[in-house]
Amino acid sequence: MRKADVKTDKDIVEYLKDWPEFERKVYVAAFKIPRGKVSTYQRVAKMAGNPRACRATANALHKNPLYPIVPCHRVVRADGSFGGDEKRAAGRRKHVREEGVPIKNGKVDMSDDIVFG
């Protein structure tokens, strides 16, 4: 299967069949975050079946082999800030702003109608 053929959560699992199960679940969870919404590392970890694995979730998304199919830029810290180095954080901030997510003082406005999951 080619990356371009990945269109569904089942395709993600097939494409990443040799990857650890938890990471596959993280990518499937992040895949489901709709445009114009964000989720947190903790919420994605919970959707992947391990709510305490926030750091493991962040590490998995950091090496996302399916970007932009799996929109890892839509996953933020609980306070709405963007993790990682400032250059990458600025890029993710720009992407979510372009998707209609409200940003205030460099952070996502974490209102109930914006947060997914």
C-alpha atoms as a PDB file:
ATOM      1  CA  MET A   1       0.000   0.000   0.000  1.00  0.00           C
ATOM      2  CA  ARG A   2       1.205   3.471  -0.870  1.00  0.00           C
ATOM      3  CA  LYS A   3       0.823   6.498   1.383  1.00  0.00           C
ATOM      4  CA  ALA A   4      -1.419   8.113  -1.246  1.00  0.00           C
ATOM      5  CA  ASP A   5      -3.839   5.165  -0.927  1.00  0.00           C
ATOM      6  CA  VAL A   6      -4.484   5.783   2.781  1.00  0.00           C
ATOM      7  CA  LYS A   7      -8.032   7.135   3.075  1.00  0.00           C
ATOM      8  CA  THR A   8      -9.609   5.438   6.127  1.00  0.00           C
ATOM      9  CA  ASP A   9      -8.684   4.369   9.634  1.00  0.00           C
ATOM     10  CA  LYS A  10      -8.464   0.771   8.378  1.00  0.00           C
ATOM     11  CA  ASP A  11      -5.983   1.935   5.739  1.00  0.00           C
ATOM     12  CA  ILE A  12      -3.874   3.540   8.479  1.00  0.00           C
ATOM     13  CA  VAL A  13      -3.758   0.261  10.395  1.00  0.00           C
ATOM     14  CA  GLU A  14      -2.810  -1.632   7.217  1.00  0.00           C
ATOM     15  CA  TYR A  15      -0.176   0.902   6.153  1.00  0.00           C
ATOM     16  CA  LEU A  16       1.398   0.800   9.629  1.00  0.00           C
ATOM     17  CA  LYS A  17       0.961  -2.944  10.203  1.00  0.00           C
ATOM     18  CA  ASP A  18       4.583  -3.327  11.372  1.00  0.00           C
ATOM     19  CA  TRP A  19       4.341  -0.423  13.851  1.00  0.00           C
ATOM     20  CA  PRO A  20       3.490  -0.866  17.553  1.00  0.00           C
ATOM     21  CA  GLU A  21      -0.248  -1.209  18.229  1.00  0.00           C
ATOM     22  CA  PHE A  22      -0.399   1.843  20.498  1.00  0.00           C
ATOM     23  CA  GLU A  23       1.142   4.083  17.829  1.00  0.00           C
ATOM     24  CA  ARG A  24      -1.325   2.805  15.224  1.00  0.00           C
ATOM     25  CA  LYS A  25      -4.160   3.641  17.618  1.00  0.00           C
ATOM     26  CA  VAL A  26      -2.734   7.137  18.178  1.00  0.00           C
ATOM     27  CA  TYR A  27      -2.628   7.788  14.423  1.00  0.00           C
ATOM     28  CA  VAL A  28      -6.194   6.516  13.982  1.00  0.00           C
ATOM     29  CA  ALA A  29      -7.383   8.761  16.846  1.00  0.00           C
ATOM     30  CA  ALA A  30      -5.610  11.828  15.414  1.00  0.00           C
ATOM     31  CA  PHE A  31      -6.985  10.995  11.931  1.00  0.00           C
ATOM     32  CA  LYS A  32     -10.507  11.456  13.320  1.00  0.00           C
ATOM     33  CA  ILE A  33      -9.945  15.054  14.501  1.00  0.00           C
ATOM     34  CA  PRO A  34     -11.966  17.167  12.069  1.00  0.00           C
ATOM     35  CA  ARG A  35     -10.741  20.290  10.328  1.00  0.00           C
ATOM     36  CA  GLY A  36     -11.384  23.353  12.510  1.00  0.00           C
ATOM     37  CA  LYS A  37     -11.021  21.373  15.741  1.00  0.00           C
ATOM     38  CA  VAL A  38      -8.140  20.356  17.989  1.00  0.00           C
ATOM     39  CA  SER A  39      -7.603  17.710  20.624  1.00  0.00           C
ATOM     40  CA  THR A  40      -5.083  17.321  23.415  1.00  0.00           C
ATOM     41  CA  TYR A  41      -2.353  14.735  23.846  1.00  0.00           C
ATOM     42  CA  GLN A  42      -4.276  13.361  26.828  1.00  0.00           C
ATOM     43  CA  ARG A  43      -7.535  13.031  24.885  1.00  0.00           C
ATOM     44  CA  VAL A  44      -5.767  11.305  21.997  1.00  0.00           C
ATOM     45  CA  ALA A  45      -4.028   8.970  24.464  1.00  0.00           C
ATOM     46  CA  LYS A  46      -7.420   8.154  25.963  1.00  0.00           C
ATOM     47  CA  MET A  47      -8.921   7.505  22.500  1.00  0.00           C
ATOM     48  CA  ALA A  48      -5.944   5.204  21.843  1.00  0.00           C
ATOM     49  CA  GLY A  49      -6.741   3.234  24.991  1.00  0.00           C
ATOM     50  CA  ASN A  50      -4.131   4.524  27.428  1.00  0.00           C
ATOM     51  CA  PRO A  51      -5.140   7.857  29.027  1.00  0.00           C
ATOM     52  CA  ARG A  52      -1.877   8.146  30.985  1.00  0.00           C
ATOM     53  CA  ALA A  53       0.337   7.865  27.891  1.00  0.00           C
ATOM     54  CA  CYS A  54       0.443  11.566  26.998  1.00  0.00           C
ATOM     55  CA  ARG A  55       4.204  11.634  26.409  1.00  0.00           C
ATOM     56  CA  ALA A  56       4.105   8.437  24.328  1.00  0.00           C
ATOM     57  CA  THR A  57       1.319  10.014  22.284  1.00  0.00           C
ATOM     58  CA  ALA A  58       3.397  13.136  21.701  1.00  0.00           C
ATOM     59  CA  ASN A  59       6.407  11.030  20.711  1.00  0.00           C
ATOM     60  CA  ALA A  60       4.329   8.996  18.263  1.00  0.00           C
ATOM     61  CA  LEU A  61       2.868  12.117  16.659  1.00  0.00           C
ATOM     62  CA  HIS A  62       6.332  13.685  16.446  1.00  0.00           C
ATOM     63  CA  LYS A  63       7.357  10.944  14.002  1.00  0.00           C
ATOM     64  CA  ASN A  64       4.041  10.846  12.109  1.00  0.00           C
ATOM     65  CA  PRO A  65       4.740   9.047   8.798  1.00  0.00           C
ATOM     66  CA  LEU A  66       1.306   9.933   7.425  1.00  0.00           C
ATOM     67  CA  TYR A  67       1.252  13.730   7.636  1.00  0.00           C
ATOM     68  CA  PRO A  68      -0.936  15.416   6.354  1.00  0.00           C
ATOM     69  CA  ILE A  69      -3.319  12.434   6.123  1.00  0.00           C
ATOM     70  CA  VAL A  70      -3.046  12.124   9.909  1.00  0.00           C
ATOM     71  CA  PRO A  71      -3.317  15.778  11.019  1.00  0.00           C
ATOM     72  CA  CYS A  72      -0.951  15.752  13.994  1.00  0.00           C
ATOM     73  CA  HIS A  73      -0.872  19.562  13.908  1.00  0.00           C
ATOM     74  CA  ARG A  74      -4.378  19.436  15.435  1.00  0.00           C
ATOM     75  CA  VAL A  75      -3.070  17.953  18.704  1.00  0.00           C
ATOM     76  CA  VAL A  76      -2.047  20.481  21.360  1.00  0.00           C
ATOM     77  CA  ARG A  77      -1.160  20.614  25.037  1.00  0.00           C
ATOM     78  CA  ALA A  78      -3.978  20.795  27.594  1.00  0.00           C
ATOM     79  CA  ASP A  79      -3.504  24.563  27.946  1.00  0.00           C
ATOM     80  CA  GLY A  80      -3.820  25.079  24.178  1.00  0.00           C
ATOM     81  CA  SER A  81      -0.128  25.668  23.581  1.00  0.00           C
ATOM     82  CA  PHE A  82       1.930  23.983  20.898  1.00  0.00           C
ATOM     83  CA  GLY A  83       4.734  21.707  22.036  1.00  0.00           C
ATOM     84  CA  GLY A  84       8.181  21.269  20.577  1.00  0.00           C
ATOM     85  CA  ASP A  85      10.643  23.813  19.302  1.00  0.00           C
ATOM     86  CA  GLU A  86       9.289  27.238  18.395  1.00  0.00           C
ATOM     87  CA  LYS A  87       9.772  26.855  14.629  1.00  0.00           C
ATOM     88  CA  ARG A  88       7.661  23.675  14.487  1.00  0.00           C
ATOM     89  CA  ALA A  89       5.147  25.071  16.969  1.00  0.00           C
ATOM     90  CA  ALA A  90       4.729  28.169  14.788  1.00  0.00           C
ATOM     91  CA  GLY A  91       4.071  25.953  11.764  1.00  0.00           C
ATOM     92  CA  ARG A  92       1.378  23.959  13.592  1.00  0.00           C
ATOM     93  CA  ARG A  93      -0.146  27.177  14.945  1.00  0.00           C
ATOM     94  CA  LYS A  94      -0.324  28.540  11.390  1.00  0.00           C
ATOM     95  CA  HIS A  95      -1.983  25.357  10.081  1.00  0.00           C
ATOM     96  CA  VAL A  96      -4.731  25.286  12.701  1.00  0.00           C
ATOM     97  CA  ARG A  97      -5.354  29.025  12.319  1.00  0.00           C
ATOM     98  CA  GLU A  98      -5.786  28.484   8.560  1.00  0.00           C
ATOM     99  CA  GLU A  99      -8.317  25.755   9.394  1.00  0.00           C
ATOM    100  CA  GLY A 100     -10.390  28.221  11.428  1.00  0.00           C
ATOM    101  CA  VAL A 101      -9.200  27.423  14.953  1.00  0.00           C
ATOM    102  CA  PRO A 102      -9.149  30.586  17.100  1.00  0.00           C
ATOM    103  CA  ILE A 103      -5.716  31.471  18.493  1.00  0.00           C
ATOM    104  CA  LYS A 104      -5.217  33.928  21.361  1.00  0.00           C
ATOM    105  CA  ASN A 105      -1.759  34.885  22.624  1.00  0.00           C
ATOM    106  CA  GLY A 106      -0.182  32.019  20.677  1.00  0.00           C
ATOM    107  CA  LYS A 107      -2.502  29.356  22.119  1.00  0.00           C
ATOM    108  CA  VAL A 108      -5.685  27.677  20.946  1.00  0.00           C
ATOM    109  CA  ASP A 109      -8.806  29.079  22.568  1.00  0.00           C
ATOM    110  CA  MET A 110      -9.821  25.789  24.215  1.00  0.00           C
ATOM    111  CA  SER A 111     -13.590  26.267  24.105  1.00  0.00           C
ATOM    112  CA  ASP A 112     -15.946  23.293  24.072  1.00  0.00           C
ATOM    113  CA  ASP A 113     -16.874  23.869  20.432  1.00  0.00           C
ATOM    114  CA  ILE A 114     -13.208  23.692  19.342  1.00  0.00           C
ATOM    115  CA  VAL A 115     -11.921  20.728  21.391  1.00  0.00           C
ATOM    116  CA  PHE A 116     -12.584  17.285  19.923  1.00  0.00           C
ATOM    117  CA  GLY A 117     -12.731  14.022  21.817  1.00  0.00           C
END
